């Protein structure tokens, strides 16, 4: 199109520009020439418009066609994307199904192996077919149900068991399902308990002998004296009775320290009770005697009476009687000073008892920490497979706390009671001294 336009333009230029050497034409000729050129240009213009319109229509058709093709391609892409998403979902579901099947397969294998291991104890051996688990499971359940039916009955079989002294006896063993057994031999009958390794031993012959004999004769007694066990491979041992010494020993060194402090605190309590009881009983007696002497005989006789007496009350009253001739305020100061001096004796051992009561739980806590450290050391070295290895550290942890509280609680209670008793004795001595002072001054 651009080539046509350039060609027309050049033609017009050459046509309009006449040669210099041509002669000048007249007006008519020039007008006709211009009219001819104008008509030619107009025709070219119309032709170009038509051509432009055709080109635009052609381009529009091509663009529309291209757009339709693009839309079709977009639809195909969307369809492909949907197909991909559908396939991804299908693949994900298939993967989940595979994982579920693998998990179910592992579960079935575990059940079959456990069942086979359990049945092997009773002499059964199943053949595991990985390609036919339904058949294997069917056989497993069939054999298990038969064995469970057999084990759930009361049955009698020949066997041996041990007495408590270790003697082996041969006789009949009556099985009650798979949870209890009775033994009957020559003159011996009773409930049996596992002795380890599949063996049995006689447990309590007195209570279970009649039950064992009744079952051996084929009758079911109304009351069963029975010992139920779980595993015949693990021995059932008699529970050992622990003495107080065994409990203390299980607490280790800290346990003995706590017990020693407790005994020492008990000794201090006994001494303090003896001392306070003596002081309490003498206070009122001495006060009455001194008051009577002052009333009937005088101050010197009362002072002579107090010189032959001992104790806190006698010493305080002696100081009071010796200074009765002084003014009242001075005598009261003397009473206060004497009571302060005697408080040290009346409070004797009280602080020590309270200190022991406070320290004992702390020692128990120290034992708890020590026991737990020992337990964790054993776990680190040997693991947690054998509980007996852990019992030592746990015993120290628990027993020391128990001993600490056993020592602390009584000492704390009794110590506070004795402190209160001591305060009452001080109050009685002070009241007796004030009574004598008042009596003397009223008499004067």
Protein backbone atom coordinates (compact mmCIF):
# COMPACT_ATOMS: atom_id res chain seq x y z
CA UNK A 1 0.00 0.00 0.00
CA UNK A 2 2.82 2.41 0.84
CA UNK A 3 4.49 1.63 -2.51
CA UNK A 4 1.30 2.66 -4.40
CA UNK A 5 1.09 5.97 -2.55
CA UNK A 6 4.74 6.83 -3.28
CA UNK A 7 4.30 5.98 -7.00
CA UNK A 8 1.23 8.24 -7.30
CA UNK A 9 3.05 11.08 -5.55
CA UNK A 10 6.04 10.87 -7.92
CA UNK A 11 3.71 10.78 -10.92
CA UNK A 12 1.94 13.94 -9.73
CA UNK A 13 5.24 15.69 -9.18
CA UNK A 14 6.51 14.86 -12.65
CA UNK A 15 3.14 15.75 -14.18
CA UNK A 16 2.67 19.05 -12.36
CA UNK A 17 6.26 20.23 -12.92
CA UNK A 18 6.62 20.95 -16.62
CA UNK A 19 9.96 21.21 -18.27
CA UNK A 20 11.54 24.62 -18.26
CA UNK A 21 11.93 24.51 -21.89
CA UNK A 22 8.11 23.96 -22.61
CA UNK A 23 6.13 26.84 -23.78
CA UNK A 24 3.42 28.45 -21.72
CA UNK A 25 -0.02 27.06 -22.57
CA UNK A 26 -3.21 28.90 -22.45
CA UNK A 27 -5.68 28.88 -19.61
CA UNK A 28 -8.08 26.37 -21.08
CA UNK A 29 -5.42 23.89 -21.78
CA UNK A 30 -4.10 24.35 -18.27
CA UNK A 31 -7.52 23.97 -16.73
CA UNK A 32 -8.18 20.83 -18.75
CA UNK A 33 -4.88 19.50 -17.64
CA UNK A 34 -5.65 20.32 -14.02
CA UNK A 35 -9.11 18.81 -14.35
CA UNK A 36 -7.65 15.69 -15.85
CA UNK A 37 -5.07 15.42 -13.09
CA UNK A 38 -7.70 16.12 -10.44
CA UNK A 39 -9.94 13.42 -11.85
CA UNK A 40 -7.01 11.05 -11.92
CA UNK A 41 -6.08 11.87 -8.32
CA UNK A 42 -9.68 11.53 -7.20
CA UNK A 43 -9.91 8.16 -8.86
CA UNK A 44 -6.67 7.14 -7.19
CA UNK A 45 -8.01 8.39 -3.85
CA UNK A 46 -11.20 6.38 -4.21
CA UNK A 47 -9.19 3.39 -5.22
CA UNK A 48 -6.91 3.83 -2.21
CA UNK A 49 -9.90 4.23 0.15
CA UNK A 50 -11.41 1.09 -1.24
CA UNK A 51 -8.12 -0.71 -0.93
CA UNK A 52 -7.69 0.56 2.63
CA UNK A 53 -11.18 -0.60 3.51
CA UNK A 54 -10.48 -4.02 2.05
CA UNK A 55 -7.23 -4.23 4.00
CA UNK A 56 -8.97 -3.18 7.23
CA UNK A 57 -11.74 -5.73 6.70
CA UNK A 58 -9.16 -8.39 5.92
CA UNK A 59 -7.17 -7.49 9.03
CA UNK A 60 -10.32 -7.44 11.16
CA UNK A 61 -11.22 -10.90 9.92
CA UNK A 62 -7.72 -12.12 10.64
CA UNK A 63 -7.82 -10.58 14.14
CA UNK A 64 -11.23 -12.10 14.83
CA UNK A 65 -10.01 -15.45 13.62
CA UNK A 66 -6.90 -15.15 15.77
CA UNK A 67 -9.01 -14.21 18.79
CA UNK A 68 -11.24 -17.21 18.23
CA UNK A 69 -8.19 -19.42 18.02
CA UNK A 70 -6.84 -17.85 21.22
CA UNK A 71 -10.14 -18.48 23.00
CA UNK A 72 -10.11 -22.07 21.82
CA UNK A 73 -6.54 -22.47 23.02
CA UNK A 74 -7.44 -20.91 26.38
CA UNK A 75 -10.35 -23.30 26.74
CA UNK A 76 -8.01 -26.19 25.95
CA UNK A 77 -5.50 -24.92 28.53
CA UNK A 78 -8.23 -24.63 31.17
CA UNK A 79 -9.44 -28.11 30.33
CA UNK A 80 -5.88 -29.41 30.61
CA UNK A 81 -5.44 -27.67 33.99
CA UNK A 82 -8.66 -29.20 35.27
CA UNK A 83 -7.49 -32.56 34.02
CA UNK A 84 -4.15 -32.11 35.81
CA UNK A 85 -5.91 -31.20 39.07
CA UNK A 86 -8.18 -34.21 38.73
CA UNK A 87 -5.19 -36.47 38.10
CA UNK A 88 -3.33 -34.95 41.09
CA UNK A 89 -6.34 -35.58 43.34
CA UNK A 90 -6.57 -39.12 42.03
CA UNK A 91 -2.84 -39.64 42.63
CA UNK A 92 -3.12 -38.26 46.17
CA UNK A 93 -6.03 -40.56 46.94
CA UNK A 94 -4.08 -43.48 45.54
CA UNK A 95 -1.08 -42.60 47.72
CA UNK A 96 -3.32 -42.41 50.77
CA UNK A 97 -4.84 -45.75 49.89
CA UNK A 98 -1.37 -47.24 49.50
CA UNK A 99 -0.30 -45.85 52.89
CA UNK A 100 -3.50 -47.15 54.47
CA UNK A 101 -2.96 -50.56 52.92
CA UNK A 102 0.66 -50.60 54.13
CA UNK A 103 -0.45 -49.58 57.64
CA UNK A 104 -3.16 -52.23 57.66
CA UNK A 105 -0.64 -54.76 56.40
CA UNK A 106 1.78 -53.89 59.19
CA UNK A 107 -1.04 -54.12 61.72
CA UNK A 108 -2.07 -57.52 60.39
CA UNK A 109 1.55 -58.68 60.47
CA UNK A 110 1.87 -57.47 64.06
CA UNK A 111 -1.33 -59.27 65.10
CA UNK A 112 -0.22 -62.46 63.37
CA UNK A 113 3.25 -62.31 64.94
CA UNK A 114 1.85 -61.65 68.42
CA UNK A 115 -0.69 -64.42 68.06
CA UNK A 116 1.95 -66.81 66.74
CA UNK A 117 4.30 -65.89 69.61
CA UNK A 118 1.56 -66.49 72.16
CA UNK A 119 0.44 -69.78 70.63
CA UNK A 120 4.04 -70.96 70.43
CA UNK A 121 4.01 -71.14 74.24
CA UNK A 122 1.32 -73.80 73.97
CA UNK A 123 3.06 -75.80 71.23
CA UNK A 124 1.39 -74.26 68.17
CA UNK A 125 3.32 -72.96 65.16
CA UNK A 126 1.45 -71.12 62.41
CA UNK A 127 2.77 -70.72 58.87
CA UNK A 128 2.75 -67.06 57.84
CA UNK A 129 1.74 -66.54 54.21
CA UNK A 130 2.43 -62.90 53.21
CA UNK A 131 0.35 -63.33 50.06
CA UNK A 132 -2.73 -64.65 51.83
CA UNK A 133 -3.29 -62.84 55.10
CA UNK A 134 -7.03 -63.64 55.30
CA UNK A 135 -6.23 -67.35 55.42
CA UNK A 136 -3.52 -66.79 58.04
CA UNK A 137 -5.84 -64.66 60.19
CA UNK A 138 -8.62 -67.20 59.87
CA UNK A 139 -6.31 -69.99 61.00
CA UNK A 140 -4.96 -67.82 63.83
CA UNK A 141 -8.40 -67.00 65.20
CA UNK A 142 -9.58 -70.56 64.82
CA UNK A 143 -6.65 -71.95 66.81
CA UNK A 144 -6.87 -69.12 69.36
CA UNK A 145 -10.57 -69.72 70.00
CA UNK A 146 -10.00 -73.44 70.48
CA UNK A 147 -7.14 -72.78 72.89
CA UNK A 148 -9.12 -70.12 74.75
CA UNK A 149 -12.00 -72.55 75.14
CA UNK A 150 -9.62 -75.16 76.52
CA UNK A 151 -7.90 -72.73 78.89
CA UNK A 152 -11.19 -71.37 80.23
CA UNK A 153 -12.23 -74.72 81.67
CA UNK A 154 -11.38 -76.41 84.95
CA UNK A 155 -9.06 -79.26 84.00
CA UNK A 156 -6.80 -81.69 85.80
CA UNK A 157 -3.36 -82.78 84.68
CA UNK A 158 -0.38 -84.58 86.14
CA UNK A 159 2.49 -82.43 87.30
CA UNK A 160 4.83 -81.40 90.07
CA UNK A 161 4.91 -78.49 92.47
CA UNK A 162 7.03 -77.35 95.37
CA UNK A 163 6.22 -77.02 99.05
CA UNK A 164 7.28 -74.01 101.11
CA UNK A 165 10.35 -75.86 102.37
CA UNK A 166 11.47 -76.50 98.77
CA UNK A 167 10.39 -80.15 98.60
CA UNK A 168 9.10 -81.21 95.20
CA UNK A 169 5.81 -83.12 95.13
CA UNK A 170 4.32 -85.07 92.23
CA UNK A 171 0.56 -85.18 91.96
CA UNK A 172 -2.39 -83.57 90.25
CA UNK A 173 -2.57 -79.94 89.22
CA UNK A 174 -6.08 -78.53 88.82
CA UNK A 175 -6.12 -75.60 86.40
CA UNK A 176 -8.89 -73.02 86.77
CA UNK A 177 -8.79 -71.49 83.32
CA UNK A 178 -5.39 -69.93 82.87
CA UNK A 179 -5.49 -67.71 85.94
CA UNK A 180 -5.29 -70.06 88.94
CA UNK A 181 -4.04 -73.51 89.90
CA UNK A 182 -4.42 -75.99 92.75
CA UNK A 183 -2.13 -78.84 93.68
CA UNK A 184 -3.11 -82.16 95.24
CA UNK A 185 -0.50 -84.75 96.28
CA UNK A 186 -0.03 -87.28 99.07
CA UNK A 187 -1.51 -85.55 102.11
CA UNK A 188 -0.89 -82.10 100.65
CA UNK A 189 -3.37 -79.84 98.89
CA UNK A 190 -3.79 -76.14 98.35
CA UNK A 191 -3.58 -73.20 95.98
CA UNK A 192 -0.50 -72.89 93.79
CA UNK A 193 1.34 -69.75 92.78
CA UNK A 194 4.02 -69.28 90.10
CA UNK A 195 7.53 -70.12 91.25
CA UNK A 196 9.16 -68.90 88.03
CA UNK A 197 10.05 -70.74 84.86
CA UNK A 198 6.56 -72.25 84.54
CA UNK A 199 6.86 -74.04 87.92
CA UNK A 200 4.43 -73.76 90.84
CA UNK A 201 4.69 -73.74 94.61
CA UNK A 202 2.14 -74.22 97.38
CA UNK A 203 0.81 -70.96 98.76
CA UNK A 204 -1.68 -71.09 101.65
CA UNK A 205 -2.52 -74.66 102.52
CA UNK A 206 -4.86 -73.94 105.43
CA UNK A 207 -7.46 -71.89 103.56
CA UNK A 208 -7.29 -73.49 100.11
CA UNK A 209 -6.85 -77.19 100.94
CA UNK A 210 -10.59 -77.91 100.99
CA UNK A 211 -11.11 -76.06 97.71
CA UNK A 212 -8.31 -78.04 96.03
CA UNK A 213 -9.64 -81.38 97.26
CA UNK A 214 -13.19 -80.52 96.16
CA UNK A 215 -12.03 -79.58 92.67
CA UNK A 216 -9.93 -82.75 92.46
CA UNK A 217 -13.02 -84.83 93.26
CA UNK A 218 -14.99 -83.07 90.51
CA UNK A 219 -17.23 -80.86 92.67
CA UNK A 220 -17.38 -77.08 92.62
CA UNK A 221 -17.40 -75.56 96.13
CA UNK A 222 -19.59 -72.58 96.91
CA UNK A 223 -16.62 -70.55 98.15
CA UNK A 224 -13.32 -70.58 96.27
CA UNK A 225 -10.12 -69.74 98.12
CA UNK A 226 -8.18 -68.79 95.01
CA UNK A 227 -4.95 -67.04 94.11
CA UNK A 228 -5.16 -65.35 90.69
CA UNK A 229 -1.91 -64.88 88.80
CA UNK A 230 -1.04 -63.31 85.46
CA UNK A 231 2.18 -64.94 84.35
CA UNK A 232 3.63 -68.31 85.30
CA UNK A 233 7.14 -67.24 84.28
CA UNK A 234 7.46 -64.66 87.06
CA UNK A 235 7.82 -65.84 90.64
CA UNK A 236 5.34 -64.67 93.25
CA UNK A 237 7.34 -64.07 96.43
CA UNK A 238 6.04 -63.73 99.98
CA UNK A 239 5.80 -60.14 101.05
CA UNK A 240 8.47 -59.47 103.63
CA UNK A 241 7.35 -57.64 106.74
CA UNK A 242 9.57 -54.63 107.25
CA UNK A 243 10.58 -53.73 110.77
CA UNK A 244 11.23 -50.19 111.95
CA UNK A 245 14.95 -50.89 111.71
CA UNK A 246 14.55 -51.96 108.07
CA UNK A 247 12.67 -48.76 107.26
CA UNK A 248 15.35 -46.62 108.86
CA UNK A 249 18.06 -48.61 107.11
CA UNK A 250 16.39 -47.99 103.74
CA UNK A 251 16.73 -44.24 104.37
CA UNK A 252 20.52 -44.46 104.33
CA UNK A 253 22.88 -42.29 106.36
CA UNK A 254 20.53 -39.30 106.32
CA UNK A 255 17.77 -41.50 107.76
CA UNK A 256 19.99 -42.47 110.69
CA UNK A 257 20.94 -38.82 111.24
CA UNK A 258 17.26 -37.86 111.43
CA UNK A 259 16.52 -40.70 113.86
CA UNK A 260 19.50 -39.66 115.99
CA UNK A 261 18.23 -36.09 116.11
CA UNK A 262 14.78 -37.36 117.01
CA UNK A 263 16.10 -39.42 119.92
CA UNK A 264 18.18 -36.48 121.11
CA UNK A 265 15.13 -34.21 120.88
CA UNK A 266 13.08 -36.76 122.84
CA UNK A 267 15.72 -36.79 125.57
CA UNK A 268 15.64 -32.98 125.74
CA UNK A 269 11.84 -33.05 125.98
CA UNK A 270 11.94 -35.52 128.89
CA UNK A 271 14.52 -33.41 130.73
CA UNK A 272 12.52 -30.24 130.10
CA UNK A 273 9.28 -31.87 131.28
CA UNK A 274 11.01 -33.08 134.46
CA UNK A 275 12.50 -29.67 135.13
CA UNK A 276 9.28 -27.73 134.46
CA UNK A 277 7.12 -30.13 136.48
CA UNK A 278 9.44 -29.67 139.47
CA UNK A 279 9.43 -25.89 139.10
CA UNK A 280 5.66 -25.76 138.68
CA UNK A 281 4.88 -27.89 141.72
CA UNK A 282 7.21 -25.92 144.03
CA UNK A 283 6.06 -22.46 143.01
CA UNK A 284 2.65 -22.46 144.66
CA UNK A 285 3.86 -24.44 147.70
CA UNK A 286 6.76 -22.09 148.42
CA UNK A 287 4.59 -19.03 147.84
CA UNK A 288 2.02 -20.23 150.40
CA UNK A 289 4.69 -21.07 153.00
CA UNK A 290 6.44 -17.70 152.58
CA UNK A 291 3.15 -15.84 152.77
CA UNK A 292 2.26 -17.68 155.98
CA UNK A 293 5.67 -16.96 157.56
CA UNK A 294 5.39 -13.26 156.71
CA UNK A 295 1.92 -13.09 158.17
CA UNK A 296 2.67 -14.93 161.41
CA UNK A 297 6.40 -14.70 162.19
CA UNK A 298 8.00 -12.03 160.08
CA UNK A 299 10.46 -11.34 157.30
CA UNK A 300 13.51 -13.03 158.87
CA UNK A 301 11.73 -16.35 159.37
CA UNK A 302 10.46 -16.24 155.80
CA UNK A 303 14.00 -15.54 154.56
CA UNK A 304 15.39 -18.45 156.61
CA UNK A 305 12.72 -20.69 155.06
CA UNK A 306 13.76 -19.70 151.54
CA UNK A 307 17.47 -20.26 152.21
CA UNK A 308 16.87 -23.99 152.51
CA UNK A 309 14.87 -24.22 149.27
CA UNK A 310 16.04 -24.56 145.66
CA UNK A 311 14.48 -23.63 142.37
CA UNK A 312 13.48 -20.60 140.38
CA UNK A 313 10.54 -19.68 142.59
CA UNK A 314 12.66 -19.85 145.77
CA UNK A 315 15.39 -17.65 144.29
CA UNK A 316 12.94 -14.99 143.04
CA UNK A 317 10.99 -14.92 146.33
CA UNK A 318 14.26 -14.79 148.30
CA UNK A 319 15.23 -11.63 146.40
CA UNK A 320 11.78 -10.17 147.08
CA UNK A 321 11.77 -10.93 150.84
CA UNK A 322 15.34 -9.66 151.25
CA UNK A 323 14.33 -6.26 149.79
CA UNK A 324 10.83 -5.82 151.25
CA UNK A 325 11.96 -2.80 153.27
CA UNK A 326 12.72 -0.83 150.11
CA UNK A 327 10.23 1.26 148.14
CA UNK A 328 7.74 -0.56 145.90
CA UNK A 329 9.17 0.52 142.54
CA UNK A 330 12.62 -0.70 143.52
CA UNK A 331 11.21 -4.06 144.62
CA UNK A 332 9.35 -4.47 141.32
CA UNK A 333 12.59 -3.80 139.44
CA UNK A 334 14.27 -6.49 141.54
CA UNK A 335 11.45 -8.93 140.67
CA UNK A 336 11.81 -8.17 136.97
CA UNK A 337 15.58 -8.65 137.10
CA UNK A 338 15.23 -11.94 138.98
CA UNK A 339 12.64 -13.23 136.50
CA UNK A 340 14.91 -12.36 133.56
CA UNK A 341 17.73 -14.22 135.24
CA UNK A 342 15.53 -17.27 135.88
CA UNK A 343 14.05 -17.22 132.35
CA UNK A 344 17.31 -18.62 131.01
CA UNK A 345 16.89 -21.66 133.25
CA UNK A 346 13.17 -22.07 132.63
CA UNK A 347 13.71 -21.86 128.85
CA UNK A 348 16.53 -24.39 128.97
CA UNK A 349 16.48 -26.87 126.02
CA UNK A 350 13.44 -25.10 124.51
CA UNK A 351 15.41 -23.51 121.67
CA UNK A 352 17.28 -26.75 120.96
CA UNK A 353 13.99 -28.66 120.66
CA UNK A 354 12.55 -26.13 118.21
CA UNK A 355 15.77 -26.15 116.15
CA UNK A 356 15.63 -29.95 115.83
CA UNK A 357 11.96 -29.69 114.82
CA UNK A 358 12.89 -27.20 112.08
CA UNK A 359 15.99 -29.04 110.83
CA UNK A 360 14.44 -32.53 110.58
CA UNK A 361 12.18 -31.78 107.55
CA UNK A 362 15.11 -30.08 105.82
CA UNK A 363 17.20 -33.20 106.32
CA UNK A 364 14.29 -35.19 104.91
CA UNK A 365 14.28 -32.92 101.87
CA UNK A 366 18.03 -33.39 101.52
CA UNK A 367 17.47 -37.15 101.58
CA UNK A 368 14.79 -36.78 98.90
CA UNK A 369 17.17 -34.89 96.62
CA UNK A 370 19.97 -37.39 97.30
CA UNK A 371 17.67 -40.33 96.55
CA UNK A 372 16.43 -38.82 93.29
CA UNK A 373 19.99 -38.12 92.17
CA UNK A 374 20.91 -41.74 92.90
CA UNK A 375 17.83 -42.92 91.00
CA UNK A 376 18.66 -40.84 87.92
CA UNK A 377 22.26 -42.06 88.02
CA UNK A 378 20.99 -45.65 87.94
CA UNK A 379 18.59 -44.84 85.09
CA UNK A 380 21.44 -43.25 83.14
CA UNK A 381 23.66 -46.30 83.60
CA UNK A 382 21.21 -49.23 83.46
CA UNK A 383 17.95 -47.80 82.09
CA UNK A 384 14.49 -48.44 83.53
CA UNK A 385 14.16 -52.13 82.71
CA UNK A 386 14.59 -53.44 86.27
CA UNK A 387 12.51 -51.62 88.93
CA UNK A 388 14.53 -53.23 91.72
CA UNK A 389 17.55 -51.19 90.70
CA UNK A 390 15.52 -48.01 91.24
CA UNK A 391 14.11 -49.01 94.63
CA UNK A 392 17.22 -47.95 96.57
CA UNK A 393 17.16 -44.33 95.47
CA UNK A 394 13.39 -44.13 95.76
CA UNK A 395 13.54 -45.55 99.31
CA UNK A 396 16.04 -42.88 100.33
CA UNK A 397 13.90 -40.19 98.71
CA UNK A 398 10.66 -41.23 100.43
CA UNK A 399 11.80 -42.68 103.75
CA UNK A 400 13.94 -39.69 104.70
CA UNK A 401 11.02 -37.33 104.10
CA UNK A 402 8.80 -39.59 106.19
CA UNK A 403 11.32 -39.77 109.03
CA UNK A 404 11.86 -36.01 108.93
CA UNK A 405 8.13 -35.36 109.34
CA UNK A 406 7.78 -38.05 112.03
CA UNK A 407 10.48 -36.30 114.06
CA UNK A 408 9.47 -32.71 113.33
CA UNK A 409 5.71 -32.80 113.98
CA UNK A 410 5.80 -34.17 117.58
CA UNK A 411 8.81 -32.04 118.52
CA UNK A 412 7.12 -28.93 117.16
CA UNK A 413 3.87 -29.58 119.03
CA UNK A 414 5.46 -30.65 122.31
CA UNK A 415 8.08 -27.88 122.12
CA UNK A 416 5.38 -25.20 121.82
CA UNK A 417 3.39 -26.76 124.67
CA UNK A 418 6.47 -26.78 126.90
CA UNK A 419 7.22 -23.16 126.01
CA UNK A 420 3.69 -22.25 127.02
CA UNK A 421 4.13 -24.16 130.28
CA UNK A 422 7.35 -22.26 130.95
CA UNK A 423 5.57 -18.93 130.40
CA UNK A 424 2.83 -19.95 132.86
CA UNK A 425 5.45 -20.79 135.50
CA UNK A 426 7.01 -17.36 135.01
CA UNK A 427 3.60 -15.74 135.39
CA UNK A 428 2.94 -17.75 138.58
CA UNK A 429 6.31 -16.72 140.05
CA UNK A 430 5.66 -13.08 139.19
CA UNK A 431 2.15 -13.24 140.63
CA UNK A 432 3.46 -14.86 143.84
CA UNK A 433 6.15 -12.20 144.21
CA UNK A 434 3.64 -9.37 143.72
CA UNK A 435 1.27 -11.04 146.20
CA UNK A 436 3.99 -11.14 148.88
CA UNK A 437 4.91 -7.50 148.19
CA UNK A 438 1.30 -6.40 148.48
CA UNK A 439 0.81 -8.47 151.64
CA UNK A 440 3.86 -6.99 153.34
CA UNK A 441 3.06 -3.38 152.45
CA UNK A 442 -0.56 -3.76 153.55
CA UNK A 443 0.65 -5.14 156.87
CA UNK A 444 3.04 -2.21 157.29
